[in-house]
PDB file of all heavy atoms in Angstrom:
ATOM      1  N   PHE A   1      29.576  43.165  -0.705  1.00  0.00           N
ATOM      2  CA  PHE A   1      29.988  42.273  -1.789  1.00  0.00           C
ATOM      3  C   PHE A   1      31.462  42.286  -2.012  1.00  0.00           C
ATOM      4  O   PHE A   1      32.195  43.320  -1.984  1.00  0.00           O
ATOM      5  CB  PHE A   1      29.265  42.660  -3.120  1.00  0.00           C
ATOM      6  CG  PHE A   1      29.596  41.778  -4.170  1.00  0.00           C
ATOM      7  CD1 PHE A   1      29.030  40.587  -4.403  1.00  0.00           C
ATOM      8  CD2 PHE A   1      30.576  42.261  -5.132  1.00  0.00           C
ATOM      9  CE1 PHE A   1      29.388  39.798  -5.403  1.00  0.00           C
ATOM     10  CE2 PHE A   1      30.958  41.364  -6.121  1.00  0.00           C
ATOM     11  CZ  PHE A   1      30.314  40.190  -6.341  1.00  0.00           C
ATOM     12  N   LYS A   2      32.004  41.036  -2.065  1.00  0.00           N
ATOM     13  CA  LYS A   2      33.424  40.813  -2.362  1.00  0.00           C
ATOM     14  C   LYS A   2      33.671  40.271  -3.729  1.00  0.00           C
ATOM     15  O   LYS A   2      33.004  39.300  -4.161  1.00  0.00           O
ATOM     16  CB  LYS A   2      34.015  39.916  -1.324  1.00  0.00           C
ATOM     17  CG  LYS A   2      33.935  40.344   0.070  1.00  0.00           C
ATOM     18  CD  LYS A   2      34.622  41.611   0.326  1.00  0.00           C
ATOM     19  CE  LYS A   2      34.536  42.087   1.838  1.00  0.00           C
ATOM     20  NZ  LYS A   2      35.292  43.392   2.040  1.00  0.00           N
ATOM     21  N   GLN A   3      34.406  41.049  -4.642  1.00  0.00           N
ATOM     22  CA  GLN A   3      34.619  40.686  -5.944  1.00  0.00           C
ATOM     23  C   GLN A   3      35.508  39.364  -5.996  1.00  0.00           C
ATOM     24  O   GLN A   3      36.363  39.152  -5.251  1.00  0.00           O
ATOM     25  CB  GLN A   3      35.409  41.757  -6.682  1.00  0.00           C
ATOM     26  CG  GLN A   3      35.703  41.610  -8.202  1.00  0.00           C
ATOM     27  CD  GLN A   3      34.532  41.231  -8.991  1.00  0.00           C
ATOM     28  OE1 GLN A   3      33.511  41.920  -9.006  1.00  0.00           O
ATOM     29  NE2 GLN A   3      34.657  40.105  -9.824  1.00  0.00           N
ATOM     30  N   ASP A   4      35.117  38.584  -7.052  1.00  0.00           N
ATOM     31  CA  ASP A   4      35.892  37.351  -7.306  1.00  0.00           C
ATOM     32  C   ASP A   4      37.362  37.637  -7.589  1.00  0.00           C
ATOM     33  O   ASP A   4      37.697  38.844  -8.046  1.00  0.00           O
ATOM     34  CB  ASP A   4      35.364  36.559  -8.479  1.00  0.00           C
ATOM     35  CG  ASP A   4      34.066  35.742  -8.075  1.00  0.00           C
ATOM     36  OD1 ASP A   4      33.865  35.656  -6.849  1.00  0.00           O
ATOM     37  OD2 ASP A   4      33.438  35.239  -9.021  1.00  0.00           O
ATOM     38  N   ALA A   5      38.246  36.690  -7.504  1.00  0.00           N
ATOM     39  CA  ALA A   5      39.559  36.839  -7.962  1.00  0.00           C
ATOM     40  C   ALA A   5      39.706  36.986  -9.379  1.00  0.00           C
ATOM     41  O   ALA A   5      38.814  36.603 -10.181  1.00  0.00           O
ATOM     42  CB  ALA A   5      40.422  35.593  -7.517  1.00  0.00           C
ATOM     43  N   HIS A   6      40.842  37.485  -9.995  1.00  0.00           N
ATOM     44  CA  HIS A   6      41.152  37.746 -11.244  1.00  0.00           C
ATOM     45  C   HIS A   6      40.446  38.721 -12.039  1.00  0.00           C
ATOM     46  O   HIS A   6      40.442  38.848 -13.296  1.00  0.00           O
ATOM     47  CB  HIS A   6      40.977  36.289 -12.125  1.00  0.00           C
ATOM     48  CG  HIS A   6      41.516  35.202 -11.330  1.00  0.00           C
ATOM     49  ND1 HIS A   6      42.975  35.098 -11.039  1.00  0.00           N
ATOM     50  CD2 HIS A   6      41.115  33.989 -10.835  1.00  0.00           C
ATOM     51  CE1 HIS A   6      43.254  33.990 -10.448  1.00  0.00           C
ATOM     52  NE2 HIS A   6      42.084  33.294 -10.331  1.00  0.00           N
ATOM     53  N   LYS A   7      39.599  39.605 -11.310  1.00  0.00           N
ATOM     54  CA  LYS A   7      38.941  40.729 -11.928  1.00  0.00           C
ATOM     55  C   LYS A   7      39.494  42.037 -11.313  1.00  0.00           C
ATOM     56  O   LYS A   7      39.094  42.361 -10.148  1.00  0.00           O
ATOM     57  CB  LYS A   7      37.468  40.491 -11.871  1.00  0.00           C
ATOM     58  CG  LYS A   7      36.658  41.740 -12.598  1.00  0.00           C
ATOM     59  CD  LYS A   7      36.760  41.655 -14.054  1.00  0.00           C
ATOM     60  CE  LYS A   7      35.943  42.669 -14.788  1.00  0.00           C
ATOM     61  NZ  LYS A   7      34.440  42.556 -14.683  1.00  0.00           N
ATOM     62  N   LEU A   8      40.378  42.710 -11.898  1.00  0.00           N
ATOM     63  CA  LEU A   8      41.081  43.951 -11.358  1.00  0.00           C
ATOM     64  C   LEU A   8      41.446  43.592  -9.907  1.00  0.00           C
ATOM     65  O   LEU A   8      41.108  44.424  -9.068  1.00  0.00           O
ATOM     66  CB  LEU A   8      40.056  45.023 -11.480  1.00  0.00           C
ATOM     67  CG  LEU A   8      39.870  45.739 -12.812  1.00  0.00           C
ATOM     68  CD1 LEU A   8      38.844  46.727 -12.875  1.00  0.00           C
ATOM     69  CD2 LEU A   8      41.132  46.318 -13.304  1.00  0.00           C
ATOM     70  N   GLU A   9      42.072  42.537  -9.653  1.00  0.00           N
ATOM     71  CA  GLU A   9      42.428  42.128  -8.362  1.00  0.00           C
ATOM     72  C   GLU A   9      43.851  42.649  -7.966  1.00  0.00           C
ATOM     73  O   GLU A   9      44.762  42.277  -8.601  1.00  0.00           O
ATOM     74  CB  GLU A   9      42.477  40.637  -8.188  1.00  0.00           C
ATOM     75  CG  GLU A   9      42.909  40.108  -6.875  1.00  0.00           C
ATOM     76  CD  GLU A   9      43.105  38.549  -6.716  1.00  0.00           C
ATOM     77  OE1 GLU A   9      42.855  37.910  -7.889  1.00  0.00           O
ATOM     78  OE2 GLU A   9      43.488  38.141  -5.745  1.00  0.00           O
ATOM     79  N   GLU A  10      43.990  43.649  -7.142  1.00  0.00           N
ATOM     80  CA  GLU A  10      45.157  44.343  -6.781  1.00  0.00           C
ATOM     81  C   GLU A  10      45.944  43.583  -5.720  1.00  0.00           C
ATOM     82  O   GLU A  10      45.412  43.098  -4.734  1.00  0.00           O
ATOM     83  CB  GLU A  10      44.934  45.764  -6.317  1.00  0.00           C
ATOM     84  CG  GLU A  10      44.319  46.723  -7.494  1.00  0.00           C
ATOM     85  CD  GLU A  10      44.117  48.189  -6.930  1.00  0.00           C
ATOM     86  OE1 GLU A  10      44.326  48.401  -5.758  1.00  0.00           O
ATOM     87  OE2 GLU A  10      43.859  49.031  -7.798  1.00  0.00           O
ATOM     88  N   PHE A  11      47.221  43.577  -5.675  1.00  0.00           N
ATOM     89  CA  PHE A  11      48.145  43.077  -4.760  1.00  0.00           C
ATOM     90  C   PHE A  11      49.454  43.624  -4.832  1.00  0.00           C
ATOM     91  O   PHE A  11      49.817  44.179  -6.016  1.00  0.00           O
ATOM     92  CB  PHE A  11      48.102  41.486  -4.777  1.00  0.00           C
ATOM     93  CG  PHE A  11      48.802  40.915  -6.038  1.00  0.00           C
ATOM     94  CD1 PHE A  11      50.055  40.478  -6.010  1.00  0.00           C
ATOM     95  CD2 PHE A  11      47.998  40.727  -7.137  1.00  0.00           C
ATOM     96  CE1 PHE A  11      50.694  39.921  -7.227  1.00  0.00           C
ATOM     97  CE2 PHE A  11      48.533  40.169  -8.302  1.00  0.00           C
ATOM     98  CZ  PHE A  11      49.877  39.817  -8.323  1.00  0.00           C
ATOM     99  N   LYS A  12      50.224  43.631  -3.761  1.00  0.00           N
ATOM    100  CA  LYS A  12      51.593  44.224  -3.840  1.00  0.00           C
ATOM    101  C   LYS A  12      52.618  43.072  -3.494  1.00  0.00           C
ATOM    102  O   LYS A  12      52.341  42.170  -2.723  1.00  0.00           O
ATOM    103  CB  LYS A  12      51.805  45.375  -2.789  1.00  0.00           C
ATOM    104  CG  LYS A  12      51.006  46.531  -3.257  1.00  0.00           C
ATOM    105  CD  LYS A  12      51.166  47.725  -2.377  1.00  0.00           C
ATOM    106  CE  LYS A  12      50.635  49.023  -2.933  1.00  0.00           C
ATOM    107  NZ  LYS A  12      50.946  50.199  -2.263  1.00  0.00           N
ATOM    108  N   ASP A  13      53.847  43.239  -4.092  1.00  0.00           N
ATOM    109  CA  ASP A  13      54.919  42.235  -3.883  1.00  0.00           C
ATOM    110  C   ASP A  13      55.799  42.680  -2.745  1.00  0.00           C
ATOM    111  O   ASP A  13      55.512  43.658  -2.067  1.00  0.00           O
ATOM    112  CB  ASP A  13      55.700  41.985  -5.104  1.00  0.00           C
ATOM    113  CG  ASP A  13      56.407  43.326  -5.552  1.00  0.00           C
ATOM    114  OD1 ASP A  13      56.548  44.275  -4.776  1.00  0.00           O
ATOM    115  OD2 ASP A  13      56.835  43.249  -6.731  1.00  0.00           O
ATOM    116  N   ALA A  14      56.761  41.991  -2.504  1.00  0.00           N
ATOM    117  CA  ALA A  14      57.811  42.297  -1.413  1.00  0.00           C
ATOM    118  C   ALA A  14      58.309  43.713  -1.555  1.00  0.00           C
ATOM    119  O   ALA A  14      58.848  44.238  -0.530  1.00  0.00           O
ATOM    120  CB  ALA A  14      58.816  41.144  -1.245  1.00  0.00           C
ATOM    121  N   LYS A  15      58.511  44.142  -2.753  1.00  0.00           N
ATOM    122  CA  LYS A  15      59.141  45.490  -2.958  1.00  0.00           C
ATOM    123  C   LYS A  15      58.091  46.595  -3.024  1.00  0.00           C
ATOM    124  O   LYS A  15      58.378  47.715  -3.384  1.00  0.00           O
ATOM    125  CB  LYS A  15      59.720  45.433  -4.371  1.00  0.00           C
ATOM    126  CG  LYS A  15      60.894  44.373  -4.389  1.00  0.00           C
ATOM    127  CD  LYS A  15      61.470  44.204  -5.895  1.00  0.00           C
ATOM    128  CE  LYS A  15      62.403  43.089  -6.062  1.00  0.00           C
ATOM    129  NZ  LYS A  15      62.916  42.852  -7.401  1.00  0.00           N
ATOM    130  N   ASN A  16      56.843  46.273  -2.724  1.00  0.00           N
ATOM    131  CA  ASN A  16      55.657  47.243  -2.587  1.00  0.00           C
ATOM    132  C   ASN A  16      55.248  47.716  -3.936  1.00  0.00           C
ATOM    133  O   ASN A  16      54.667  48.857  -4.087  1.00  0.00           O
ATOM    134  CB  ASN A  16      56.023  48.416  -1.790  1.00  0.00           C
ATOM    135  CG  ASN A  16      54.847  49.003  -0.998  1.00  0.00           C
ATOM    136  OD1 ASN A  16      53.904  48.391  -0.782  1.00  0.00           O
ATOM    137  ND2 ASN A  16      54.774  50.422  -0.981  1.00  0.00           N
ATOM    138  N   LYS A  17      55.581  46.954  -4.955  1.00  0.00           N
ATOM    139  CA  LYS A  17      55.137  47.302  -6.335  1.00  0.00           C
ATOM    140  C   LYS A  17      53.554  46.847  -6.484  1.00  0.00           C
ATOM    141  O   LYS A  17      53.394  45.824  -6.017  1.00  0.00           O
ATOM    142  CB  LYS A  17      55.959  46.642  -7.456  1.00  0.00           C
ATOM    143  CG  LYS A  17      57.301  47.146  -7.513  1.00  0.00           C
ATOM    144  CD  LYS A  17      58.259  46.297  -8.295  1.00  0.00           C
ATOM    145  CE  LYS A  17      57.833  46.249  -9.751  1.00  0.00           C
ATOM    146  NZ  LYS A  17      58.925  45.427 -10.481  1.00  0.00           N
ATOM    147  N   LEU A  18      52.767  47.655  -7.199  1.00  0.00           N
ATOM    148  CA  LEU A  18      51.394  47.420  -7.349  1.00  0.00           C
ATOM    149  C   LEU A  18      51.142  46.590  -8.528  1.00  0.00           C
ATOM    150  O   LEU A  18      51.478  46.913  -9.701  1.00  0.00           O
ATOM    151  CB  LEU A  18      50.578  48.665  -7.524  1.00  0.00           C
ATOM    152  CG  LEU A  18      49.017  48.577  -7.859  1.00  0.00           C
ATOM    153  CD1 LEU A  18      48.416  47.737  -6.677  1.00  0.00           C
ATOM    154  CD2 LEU A  18      48.404  49.889  -8.106  1.00  0.00           C
ATOM    155  N   TRP A  19      50.552  45.307  -8.373  1.00  0.00           N
ATOM    156  CA  TRP A  19      50.400  44.400  -9.511  1.00  0.00           C
ATOM    157  C   TRP A  19      48.801  44.177  -9.565  1.00  0.00           C
ATOM    158  O   TRP A  19      48.053  44.328  -8.519  1.00  0.00           O
ATOM    159  CB  TRP A  19      50.953  42.973  -9.275  1.00  0.00           C
ATOM    160  CG  TRP A  19      52.345  43.040  -9.163  1.00  0.00           C
ATOM    161  CD1 TRP A  19      53.233  43.407  -8.103  1.00  0.00           C
ATOM    162  CD2 TRP A  19      53.303  42.721 -10.367  1.00  0.00           C
ATOM    163  NE1 TRP A  19      54.476  43.311  -8.575  1.00  0.00           N
ATOM    164  CE2 TRP A  19      54.633  42.839  -9.804  1.00  0.00           C
ATOM    165  CE3 TRP A  19      53.124  42.249 -11.592  1.00  0.00           C
ATOM    166  CZ2 TRP A  19      55.664  42.612 -10.650  1.00  0.00           C
ATOM    167  CZ3 TRP A  19      54.237  41.994 -12.353  1.00  0.00           C
ATOM    168  CH2 TRP A  19      55.489  42.149 -11.953  1.00  0.00           C
ATOM    169  N   VAL A  20      48.275  43.973 -10.725  1.00  0.00           N
ATOM    170  CA  VAL A  20      46.845  43.781 -10.982  1.00  0.00           C
ATOM    171  C   VAL A  20      46.650  42.516 -11.823  1.00  0.00           C
ATOM    172  O   VAL A  20      47.094  42.389 -12.940  1.00  0.00           O
ATOM    173  CB  VAL A  20      46.214  45.026 -11.614  1.00  0.00           C
ATOM    174  CG1 VAL A  20      44.725  44.753 -11.833  1.00  0.00           C
ATOM    175  CG2 VAL A  20      46.408  46.327 -10.788  1.00  0.00           C
ATOM    176  N   ASP A  21      45.898  41.538 -11.234  1.00  0.00           N
ATOM    177  CA  ASP A  21      45.380  40.357 -11.912  1.00  0.00           C
ATOM    178  C   ASP A  21      44.128  40.619 -12.511  1.00  0.00           C
ATOM    179  O   ASP A  21      43.136  40.579 -11.739  1.00  0.00           O
ATOM    180  CB  ASP A  21      45.499  39.158 -11.049  1.00  0.00           C
ATOM    181  CG  ASP A  21      44.804  37.892 -11.638  1.00  0.00           C
ATOM    182  OD1 ASP A  21      44.656  37.954 -12.783  1.00  0.00           O
ATOM    183  OD2 ASP A  21      44.612  37.004 -10.917  1.00  0.00           O
ATOM    184  N   ASP A  22      44.069  40.898 -13.794  1.00  0.00           N
ATOM    185  CA  ASP A  22      42.846  41.147 -14.549  1.00  0.00           C
ATOM    186  C   ASP A  22      42.674  40.005 -15.575  1.00  0.00           C
ATOM    187  O   ASP A  22      42.197  40.286 -16.692  1.00  0.00           O
ATOM    188  CB  ASP A  22      42.751  42.423 -15.074  1.00  0.00           C
ATOM    189  CG  ASP A  22      41.354  42.984 -15.523  1.00  0.00           C
ATOM    190  OD1 ASP A  22      40.309  42.525 -14.833  1.00  0.00           O
ATOM    191  OD2 ASP A  22      41.205  43.572 -16.604  1.00  0.00           O
ATOM    192  N   SER A  23      42.921  38.885 -15.196  1.00  0.00           N
ATOM    193  CA  SER A  23      42.985  37.756 -16.233  1.00  0.00           C
ATOM    194  C   SER A  23      41.578  37.448 -16.799  1.00  0.00           C
ATOM    195  O   SER A  23      41.434  36.844 -17.933  1.00  0.00           O
ATOM    196  CB  SER A  23      43.454  36.447 -15.591  1.00  0.00           C
ATOM    197  OG  SER A  23      43.582  35.386 -16.472  1.00  0.00           O
ATOM    198  N   LYS A  24      40.529  37.877 -16.071  1.00  0.00           N
ATOM    199  CA  LYS A  24      39.209  37.732 -16.567  1.00  0.00           C
ATOM    200  C   LYS A  24      38.818  38.668 -17.684  1.00  0.00           C
ATOM    201  O   LYS A  24      37.816  38.428 -18.333  1.00  0.00           O
ATOM    202  CB  LYS A  24      38.155  37.779 -15.458  1.00  0.00           C
ATOM    203  CG  LYS A  24      36.759  37.245 -15.820  1.00  0.00           C
ATOM    204  CD  LYS A  24      35.852  37.207 -14.615  1.00  0.00           C
ATOM    205  CE  LYS A  24      34.519  36.528 -15.048  1.00  0.00           C
ATOM    206  NZ  LYS A  24      33.496  36.681 -14.087  1.00  0.00           N
ATOM    207  N   ALA A  25      39.756  39.543 -18.059  1.00  0.00           N
ATOM    208  CA  ALA A  25      39.455  40.423 -19.218  1.00  0.00           C
ATOM    209  C   ALA A  25      39.822  39.646 -20.393  1.00  0.00           C
ATOM    210  O   ALA A  25      40.894  39.739 -20.957  1.00  0.00           O
ATOM    211  CB  ALA A  25      40.405  41.693 -19.155  1.00  0.00           C
ATOM    212  N   THR A  26      38.906  38.941 -20.901  1.00  0.00           N
ATOM    213  CA  THR A  26      39.062  38.079 -22.121  1.00  0.00           C
ATOM    214  C   THR A  26      38.557  38.616 -23.388  1.00  0.00           C
ATOM    215  O   THR A  26      38.563  37.922 -24.388  1.00  0.00           O
ATOM    216  CB  THR A  26      38.267  36.669 -21.892  1.00  0.00           C
ATOM    217  OG1 THR A  26      36.826  37.019 -21.733  1.00  0.00           O
ATOM    218  CG2 THR A  26      38.818  35.939 -20.723  1.00  0.00           C
ATOM    219  N   ASN A  27      38.218  40.032 -23.306  1.00  0.00           N
ATOM    220  CA  ASN A  27      37.915  40.697 -24.576  1.00  0.00           C
ATOM    221  C   ASN A  27      38.386  42.137 -24.414  1.00  0.00           C
ATOM    222  O   ASN A  27      38.809  42.563 -23.377  1.00  0.00           O
ATOM    223  CB  ASN A  27      36.364  40.685 -24.764  1.00  0.00           C
ATOM    224  CG  ASN A  27      35.577  41.242 -23.696  1.00  0.00           C
ATOM    225  OD1 ASN A  27      35.760  42.413 -23.457  1.00  0.00           O
ATOM    226  ND2 ASN A  27      34.828  40.322 -23.134  1.00  0.00           N
ATOM    227  N   ILE A  28      38.430  42.745 -25.600  1.00  0.00           N
ATOM    228  CA  ILE A  28      39.034  44.203 -25.647  1.00  0.00           C
ATOM    229  C   ILE A  28      38.303  45.139 -24.882  1.00  0.00           C
ATOM    230  O   ILE A  28      38.835  45.931 -24.123  1.00  0.00           O
ATOM    231  CB  ILE A  28      39.012  44.629 -27.162  1.00  0.00           C
ATOM    232  CG1 ILE A  28      39.988  43.809 -28.021  1.00  0.00           C
ATOM    233  CG2 ILE A  28      39.179  45.986 -27.295  1.00  0.00           C
ATOM    234  CD1 ILE A  28      39.911  44.120 -29.522  1.00  0.00           C
ATOM    235  N   ASP A  29      36.950  45.060 -24.757  1.00  0.00           N
ATOM    236  CA  ASP A  29      36.285  46.049 -23.995  1.00  0.00           C
ATOM    237  C   ASP A  29      36.535  45.967 -22.457  1.00  0.00           C
ATOM    238  O   ASP A  29      36.712  47.005 -21.754  1.00  0.00           O
ATOM    239  CB  ASP A  29      34.714  45.838 -24.200  1.00  0.00           C
ATOM    240  CG  ASP A  29      33.886  46.976 -23.651  1.00  0.00           C
ATOM    241  OD1 ASP A  29      34.131  48.218 -24.025  1.00  0.00           O
ATOM    242  OD2 ASP A  29      33.013  46.819 -22.866  1.00  0.00           O
ATOM    243  N   ALA A  30      36.743  44.806 -21.991  1.00  0.00           N
ATOM    244  CA  ALA A  30      37.182  44.595 -20.552  1.00  0.00           C
ATOM    245  C   ALA A  30      38.629  45.259 -20.338  1.00  0.00           C
ATOM    246  O   ALA A  30      38.804  45.712 -19.145  1.00  0.00           O
ATOM    247  CB  ALA A  30      37.130  43.086 -20.201  1.00  0.00           C
ATOM    248  N   THR A  31      39.492  45.007 -21.226  1.00  0.00           N
ATOM    249  CA  THR A  31      40.733  45.596 -21.085  1.00  0.00           C
ATOM    250  C   THR A  31      40.768  47.114 -20.981  1.00  0.00           C
ATOM    251  O   THR A  31      41.396  47.919 -20.280  1.00  0.00           O
ATOM    252  CB  THR A  31      41.720  44.967 -21.960  1.00  0.00           C
ATOM    253  OG1 THR A  31      41.878  43.704 -21.737  1.00  0.00           O
ATOM    254  CG2 THR A  31      43.080  45.707 -21.976  1.00  0.00           C
ATOM    255  N   ILE A  32      39.883  47.765 -22.019  1.00  0.00           N
ATOM    256  CA  ILE A  32      39.829  49.064 -22.093  1.00  0.00           C
ATOM    257  C   ILE A  32      39.248  49.711 -20.799  1.00  0.00           C
ATOM    258  O   ILE A  32      39.715  50.719 -20.307  1.00  0.00           O
ATOM    259  CB  ILE A  32      38.810  49.533 -23.261  1.00  0.00           C
ATOM    260  CG1 ILE A  32      39.691  49.181 -24.584  1.00  0.00           C
ATOM    261  CG2 ILE A  32      38.386  51.007 -23.123  1.00  0.00           C
ATOM    262  CD1 ILE A  32      38.772  49.425 -25.786  1.00  0.00           C
ATOM    263  N   ASN A  33      38.303  48.971 -20.195  1.00  0.00           N
ATOM    264  CA  ASN A  33      37.740  49.443 -18.971  1.00  0.00           C
ATOM    265  C   ASN A  33      38.716  49.334 -17.746  1.00  0.00           C
ATOM    266  O   ASN A  33      38.773  50.258 -17.026  1.00  0.00           O
ATOM    267  CB  ASN A  33      36.424  48.654 -18.643  1.00  0.00           C
ATOM    268  CG  ASN A  33      35.333  48.934 -19.487  1.00  0.00           C
ATOM    269  OD1 ASN A  33      35.100  50.101 -19.925  1.00  0.00           O
ATOM    270  ND2 ASN A  33      34.377  48.009 -19.580  1.00  0.00           N
ATOM    271  N   ALA A  34      39.574  48.398 -17.936  1.00  0.00           N
ATOM    272  CA  ALA A  34      40.643  48.277 -16.900  1.00  0.00           C
ATOM    273  C   ALA A  34      41.661  49.415 -16.990  1.00  0.00           C
ATOM    274  O   ALA A  34      42.159  49.969 -16.004  1.00  0.00           O
ATOM    275  CB  ALA A  34      41.362  46.866 -16.970  1.00  0.00           C
ATOM    276  N   LEU A  35      42.069  49.840 -18.190  1.00  0.00           N
ATOM    277  CA  LEU A  35      43.035  50.759 -18.367  1.00  0.00           C
ATOM    278  C   LEU A  35      42.471  52.155 -17.858  1.00  0.00           C
ATOM    279  O   LEU A  35      43.270  53.010 -17.224  1.00  0.00           O
ATOM    280  CB  LEU A  35      43.275  50.946 -19.907  1.00  0.00           C
ATOM    281  CG  LEU A  35      44.056  49.889 -20.590  1.00  0.00           C
ATOM    282  CD1 LEU A  35      44.020  50.016 -22.093  1.00  0.00           C
ATOM    283  CD2 LEU A  35      45.454  49.793 -20.100  1.00  0.00           C
TER     284      LEU A  35
END
C-alpha cells in the first residue's frame, strides 16, 4: 500500500533538509499524532 500525498509526506530539498507535508492534518488530534 502507498499512502496518499499530503499525509506525513516526507521529501528533501536541494540542501538535504527534511520537509513534511502533512496538510491533511485538519484537526488537533492529527497534528498531535504527527508530532
